Amino acid sequence: MPKKKNPLSEEEMNGYTREDRYNPELTEKISVKYRSILQNLGEDTKREGLLKTPERVAKAMQFLTHGYNINPAGILKSALFKDEYKQMVIIKDIEIYSLCEHHLLPFFGKAHIAYIPNGKIVGLSKIPRVVDAFARRLQVQERLTTQIRDCIQETLQPLGVAVVIEAKHLCMLMRGVQKQNSVATTSAFTGAFLNNPKTREEFVHLVSGKLH
């Protein structure tokens, strides 16, 4: 009797398969450290639930910090186009997930980004990719905001850039002051957004419905 084929996964039915790649040597080195941490916390790393936890965490940390291996400016340069459009381009509600460098706890939220072209526009999907490239590193929200701004300004040379990030930080929610409803908002501007109050006000008005 012929063997039944395994049913296709949802990913395979949609025409693609997911393949995660990790550096095996780095995974082993990080795993050893996390196994030691768990033991120092009083856990039994030989019990069933924790047997593979060090390896899982090692792989998770590599994924959560893979932005170090990405060139954000290169992302923008891969999709630059000449165009005479000189009005505001806004991408709102870009999801952000990052790790606070002070406690290695997540912070997450949304970014709202605008730029005013100066002869060049960029593929819209590239800006969220730039956000991810910087967010997938050990970060503080303030630096993340300015890094995104500076990358867009230096690469596109637009008439102005505006970046606003609002995020919740688990280092504030889970520990420390434990303020469950606190949201941090940071902003950074260049060019017309910095020097022209009306331009900045227009941007804030257009995204204000999404700000706390």
Protein backbone atom coordinates (compact mmCIF):
# COMPACT_ATOMS: atom_id res chain seq x y z
CA MET A 1 0.00 0.00 0.00
CA PRO A 2 1.61 3.31 -1.03
CA LYS A 3 2.50 5.71 1.70
CA LYS A 4 0.41 8.81 1.99
CA LYS A 5 2.27 11.96 1.23
CA ASN A 6 2.53 14.47 4.02
CA PRO A 7 0.00 17.27 3.50
CA LEU A 8 1.49 20.49 2.26
CA SER A 9 2.01 23.24 4.79
CA GLU A 10 0.23 26.54 4.30
CA GLU A 11 3.53 28.13 3.24
CA GLU A 12 4.12 25.45 0.60
CA MET A 13 0.56 25.81 -0.73
CA ASN A 14 1.18 29.54 -1.12
CA GLY A 15 4.23 28.84 -3.25
CA TYR A 16 7.04 29.39 -0.81
CA THR A 17 8.79 27.73 2.09
CA ARG A 18 10.41 29.34 5.07
CA GLU A 19 14.05 28.63 5.68
CA ASP A 20 15.77 30.06 8.74
CA ARG A 21 19.54 30.15 8.63
CA TYR A 22 21.76 30.59 11.65
CA ASN A 23 25.49 30.47 12.24
CA PRO A 24 25.95 27.08 13.96
CA GLU A 25 29.16 28.10 15.74
CA LEU A 26 27.61 31.31 17.06
CA THR A 27 24.44 29.45 18.04
CA GLU A 28 26.48 26.99 20.10
CA LYS A 29 28.51 29.73 21.81
CA ILE A 30 25.39 31.71 22.75
CA SER A 31 23.58 28.53 23.84
CA VAL A 32 26.34 27.70 26.31
CA LYS A 33 26.02 31.16 27.88
CA TYR A 34 22.25 30.97 28.21
CA ARG A 35 22.43 27.47 29.68
CA SER A 36 24.76 28.86 32.33
CA ILE A 37 22.42 31.80 32.99
CA LEU A 38 19.45 29.48 33.49
CA GLN A 39 21.47 27.35 35.89
CA ASN A 40 22.57 30.44 37.82
CA LEU A 41 18.91 31.42 38.15
CA GLY A 42 18.26 28.09 39.85
CA GLU A 43 16.70 26.23 36.93
CA ASP A 44 17.26 22.62 35.98
CA THR A 45 18.40 22.83 32.35
CA LYS A 46 18.01 19.07 31.97
CA ARG A 47 14.25 19.09 32.47
CA GLU A 48 12.15 18.56 29.37
CA GLY A 49 10.86 22.11 29.00
CA LEU A 50 14.34 23.65 29.07
CA LEU A 51 16.38 21.11 27.10
CA LYS A 52 16.31 23.12 23.89
CA THR A 53 15.67 26.55 25.39
CA PRO A 54 19.31 27.75 25.22
CA GLU A 55 19.45 26.92 21.52
CA ARG A 56 16.08 28.53 20.85
CA VAL A 57 17.13 31.71 22.64
CA ALA A 58 20.45 31.76 20.77
CA LYS A 59 18.59 31.64 17.46
CA ALA A 60 16.03 34.19 18.61
CA MET A 61 18.76 36.65 19.61
CA GLN A 62 20.42 36.29 16.22
CA PHE A 63 17.12 37.06 14.52
CA LEU A 64 16.28 39.98 16.82
CA THR A 65 19.67 41.60 16.13
CA HIS A 66 20.12 40.71 12.46
CA GLY A 67 19.94 44.40 11.57
CA TYR A 68 23.67 44.66 12.24
CA ASN A 69 24.19 42.71 9.02
CA ILE A 70 22.00 44.99 6.89
CA ASN A 71 23.04 48.18 5.12
CA PRO A 72 20.02 50.53 5.44
CA ALA A 73 21.36 53.02 2.90
CA GLY A 74 21.82 50.16 0.44
CA ILE A 75 18.14 49.30 0.82
CA LEU A 76 17.16 52.82 -0.27
CA LYS A 77 19.69 52.94 -3.10
CA SER A 78 18.27 49.73 -4.55
CA ALA A 79 15.02 51.48 -5.50
CA LEU A 80 15.71 55.16 -6.25
CA PHE A 81 13.85 56.77 -9.14
CA LYS A 82 14.02 60.21 -10.73
CA ASP A 83 10.78 62.11 -10.33
CA GLU A 84 9.66 65.73 -10.10
CA TYR A 85 7.12 65.12 -7.33
CA LYS A 86 7.81 67.61 -4.54
CA GLN A 87 4.92 67.09 -2.14
CA MET A 88 4.97 65.23 1.14
CA VAL A 89 5.24 61.43 1.05
CA ILE A 90 4.04 59.82 4.29
CA ILE A 91 4.15 56.21 5.44
CA LYS A 92 2.25 55.72 8.69
CA ASP A 93 1.86 52.88 11.14
CA ILE A 94 5.12 51.09 10.41
CA GLU A 95 5.33 48.41 13.08
CA ILE A 96 8.49 48.43 15.19
CA TYR A 97 9.89 45.66 17.36
CA SER A 98 13.25 46.24 19.00
CA LEU A 99 15.31 45.39 22.08
CA CYS A 100 16.22 47.99 24.69
CA GLU A 101 19.98 47.89 25.13
CA HIS A 102 19.72 48.60 28.87
CA HIS A 103 17.76 45.50 29.91
CA LEU A 104 17.45 43.45 26.70
CA LEU A 105 13.68 43.72 27.02
CA PRO A 106 11.47 44.49 24.01
CA PHE A 107 9.98 47.81 23.08
CA PHE A 108 7.41 47.99 20.33
CA GLY A 109 5.15 50.45 18.61
CA LYS A 110 4.79 52.35 15.35
CA ALA A 111 6.76 54.79 13.24
CA HIS A 112 5.31 57.55 11.09
CA ILE A 113 7.75 58.80 8.44
CA ALA A 114 7.56 61.52 5.80
CA TYR A 115 9.92 63.03 3.27
CA ILE A 116 9.66 65.72 0.61
CA PRO A 117 11.39 64.56 -2.58
CA ASN A 118 14.01 66.67 -4.32
CA GLY A 119 14.25 65.00 -7.70
CA LYS A 120 14.27 61.43 -6.34
CA ILE A 121 11.65 59.15 -4.89
CA VAL A 122 12.15 55.73 -3.32
CA GLY A 123 10.10 52.55 -3.50
CA LEU A 124 7.58 52.76 -0.67
CA SER A 125 8.41 49.32 0.75
CA LYS A 126 12.03 50.34 1.26
CA ILE A 127 11.31 52.76 4.10
CA PRO A 128 9.75 50.12 6.38
CA ARG A 129 12.74 47.91 5.55
CA VAL A 130 15.07 50.68 6.71
CA VAL A 131 13.08 50.92 9.93
CA ASP A 132 13.52 47.18 10.49
CA ALA A 133 17.23 47.32 9.71
CA PHE A 134 17.79 49.79 12.55
CA ALA A 135 15.18 48.33 14.90
CA ARG A 136 16.65 44.82 14.75
CA ARG A 137 19.62 45.92 16.85
CA LEU A 138 20.12 46.73 20.51
CA GLN A 139 18.57 50.17 20.65
CA VAL A 140 17.22 53.13 22.54
CA GLN A 141 14.21 54.80 21.00
CA GLU A 142 15.89 58.19 20.74
CA ARG A 143 18.81 56.85 18.69
CA LEU A 144 16.53 54.71 16.54
CA THR A 145 14.55 57.82 15.62
CA THR A 146 17.59 59.83 14.55
CA GLN A 147 19.24 56.93 12.72
CA ILE A 148 16.18 56.49 10.52
CA ARG A 149 16.00 60.24 9.88
CA ASP A 150 19.68 60.56 9.03
CA CYS A 151 19.72 57.54 6.73
CA ILE A 152 16.82 58.87 4.65
CA GLN A 153 18.23 62.40 4.58
CA GLU A 154 21.76 61.39 3.60
CA THR A 155 20.69 58.85 0.99
CA LEU A 156 17.75 60.60 -0.72
CA GLN A 157 18.88 64.21 -0.14
CA PRO A 158 15.21 65.30 0.09
CA LEU A 159 13.90 68.73 1.01
CA GLY A 160 13.09 67.40 4.46
CA VAL A 161 12.51 64.30 6.57
CA ALA A 162 10.16 63.75 9.50
CA VAL A 163 10.21 60.74 11.81
CA VAL A 164 7.91 60.14 14.78
CA ILE A 165 8.02 56.94 16.83
CA GLU A 166 5.62 55.97 19.59
CA ALA A 167 6.42 52.85 21.58
CA LYS A 168 5.77 50.90 24.74
CA HIS A 169 8.78 49.65 26.66
CA LEU A 170 8.58 46.44 28.67
CA CYS A 171 11.37 47.70 30.91
CA MET A 172 8.79 50.26 32.12
CA LEU A 173 5.75 47.98 32.02
CA MET A 174 7.17 44.78 33.53
CA ARG A 175 9.76 46.18 35.94
CA GLY A 176 10.94 49.52 37.30
CA VAL A 177 8.04 51.96 37.57
CA GLN A 178 5.56 49.41 36.14
CA LYS A 179 3.36 52.01 34.48
CA GLN A 180 1.17 49.93 32.20
CA ASN A 181 -0.22 52.72 30.02
CA SER A 182 2.94 54.72 29.43
CA VAL A 183 3.94 55.43 25.83
CA ALA A 184 7.18 57.10 24.74
CA THR A 185 7.05 59.41 21.72
CA THR A 186 10.16 60.68 19.95
CA SER A 187 10.54 62.85 16.87
CA ALA A 188 13.30 64.03 14.56
CA PHE A 189 13.14 66.47 11.63
CA THR A 190 15.32 67.93 8.91
CA GLY A 191 14.94 70.60 6.23
CA ALA A 192 11.44 71.88 5.59
CA PHE A 193 10.00 69.97 8.55
CA LEU A 194 12.54 71.57 10.87
CA ASN A 195 12.54 75.09 9.46
CA ASN A 196 8.93 75.54 8.34
CA PRO A 197 6.37 75.30 11.15
CA LYS A 198 3.47 74.97 8.68
CA THR A 199 5.07 71.97 6.97
CA ARG A 200 5.70 70.32 10.32
CA GLU A 201 2.15 71.08 11.45
CA GLU A 202 0.76 69.53 8.27
CA PHE A 203 2.72 66.34 8.92
CA VAL A 204 1.60 66.19 12.56
CA HIS A 205 -1.99 66.81 11.50
CA LEU A 206 -1.88 64.01 8.94
CA VAL A 207 -0.55 61.47 11.46
CA SER A 208 -2.13 62.87 14.61
CA GLY A 209 -4.99 60.43 14.45
CA LYS A 210 -2.46 57.70 15.18
CA LEU A 211 -0.57 59.43 17.97
CA HIS A 212 -1.45 59.00 21.63
